[in-house]
């Protein structure tokens, strides 16, 4: 994943997620910094509502085919 901001572009590596209390905690690394993202129930609902948008759902439905055809274009055989 990548964060693009006026401060610069940063790669983010998501390592794990856990539930603690009333939050989902996503642990990762951004550059040299270890980080934790705390998501409350309302934050989670926001993410769900974003991923339920028609354009995002269409992209997610097309994704397996994009991956399959990308492999075929590069000469990789699929079984």
Protein backbone atom coordinates (compact mmCIF):
# COMPACT_ATOMS: atom_id res chain seq x y z
CA UNK A 1 0.00 0.00 0.00
CA UNK A 2 1.06 3.54 -0.50
CA UNK A 3 0.23 6.84 1.18
CA UNK A 4 0.69 9.92 -0.99
CA UNK A 5 0.83 13.27 0.80
CA UNK A 6 2.48 16.68 0.57
CA UNK A 7 5.05 15.34 3.05
CA UNK A 8 6.01 12.60 0.60
CA UNK A 9 5.08 9.13 -0.58
CA UNK A 10 5.29 6.31 1.94
CA UNK A 11 4.94 2.57 1.47
CA UNK A 12 2.88 0.90 4.19
CA UNK A 13 3.21 -2.78 5.04
CA UNK A 14 0.24 -4.20 6.94
CA UNK A 15 1.44 -7.00 9.21
CA UNK A 16 -1.55 -8.06 11.29
CA UNK A 17 -4.86 -7.07 12.84
CA UNK A 18 -6.35 -7.78 16.24
CA UNK A 19 -9.40 -6.84 18.27
CA UNK A 20 -8.84 -5.12 21.60
CA UNK A 21 -11.79 -3.86 23.56
CA UNK A 22 -14.07 -1.99 21.15
CA UNK A 23 -11.39 -1.40 18.48
CA UNK A 24 -9.77 -3.24 15.63
CA UNK A 25 -6.05 -2.54 15.68
CA UNK A 26 -4.13 -2.81 12.43
CA UNK A 27 -0.39 -3.15 12.95
CA UNK A 28 2.01 -2.21 10.23
CA UNK A 29 5.13 -0.41 9.21
CA UNK A 30 5.44 2.86 7.32
CA UNK A 31 9.02 3.35 6.27
CA UNK A 32 11.11 2.80 9.40
CA UNK A 33 8.20 3.49 11.77
CA UNK A 34 6.10 0.76 13.34
CA UNK A 35 2.52 1.93 13.54
CA UNK A 36 -0.88 0.97 14.89
CA UNK A 37 -4.18 2.14 13.47
CA UNK A 38 -7.10 2.01 15.90
CA UNK A 39 -10.47 1.62 14.19
CA UNK A 40 -13.63 2.26 16.17
CA UNK A 41 -16.98 0.75 15.12
CA UNK A 42 -17.87 3.98 13.27
CA UNK A 43 -14.49 3.86 11.44
CA UNK A 44 -15.19 0.28 10.40
CA UNK A 45 -18.63 1.23 9.13
CA UNK A 46 -17.02 4.04 7.09
CA UNK A 47 -14.65 1.54 5.44
CA UNK A 48 -17.51 -0.88 4.73
CA UNK A 49 -19.62 1.89 3.20
CA UNK A 50 -16.69 2.96 1.00
CA UNK A 51 -16.14 -0.60 -0.24
CA UNK A 52 -19.86 -1.00 -0.96
CA UNK A 53 -19.82 1.82 -3.52
CA UNK A 54 -20.74 0.56 -6.99
CA UNK A 55 -17.45 1.55 -8.62
CA UNK A 56 -15.41 -0.21 -5.91
CA UNK A 57 -17.60 -3.33 -6.01
CA UNK A 58 -17.24 -3.45 -9.81
CA UNK A 59 -13.46 -3.18 -9.49
CA UNK A 60 -13.37 -5.96 -6.87
CA UNK A 61 -15.49 -8.21 -9.11
CA UNK A 62 -13.18 -7.55 -12.09
CA UNK A 63 -9.98 -8.05 -10.12
CA UNK A 64 -9.65 -11.86 -10.50
CA UNK A 65 -10.08 -11.52 -14.27
CA UNK A 66 -7.55 -8.69 -14.46
CA UNK A 67 -5.03 -10.83 -12.59
CA UNK A 68 -5.77 -13.87 -14.76
CA UNK A 69 -5.44 -12.00 -18.06
CA UNK A 70 -2.35 -10.10 -16.91
CA UNK A 71 -0.63 -13.46 -16.31
CA UNK A 72 -1.69 -14.67 -19.76
CA UNK A 73 -0.34 -11.54 -21.47
CA UNK A 74 3.06 -12.10 -19.89
CA UNK A 75 3.30 -15.62 -21.29
CA UNK A 76 2.46 -17.43 -18.06
CA UNK A 77 0.30 -20.49 -18.53
CA UNK A 78 -2.77 -20.99 -16.41
CA UNK A 79 -4.23 -24.38 -15.68
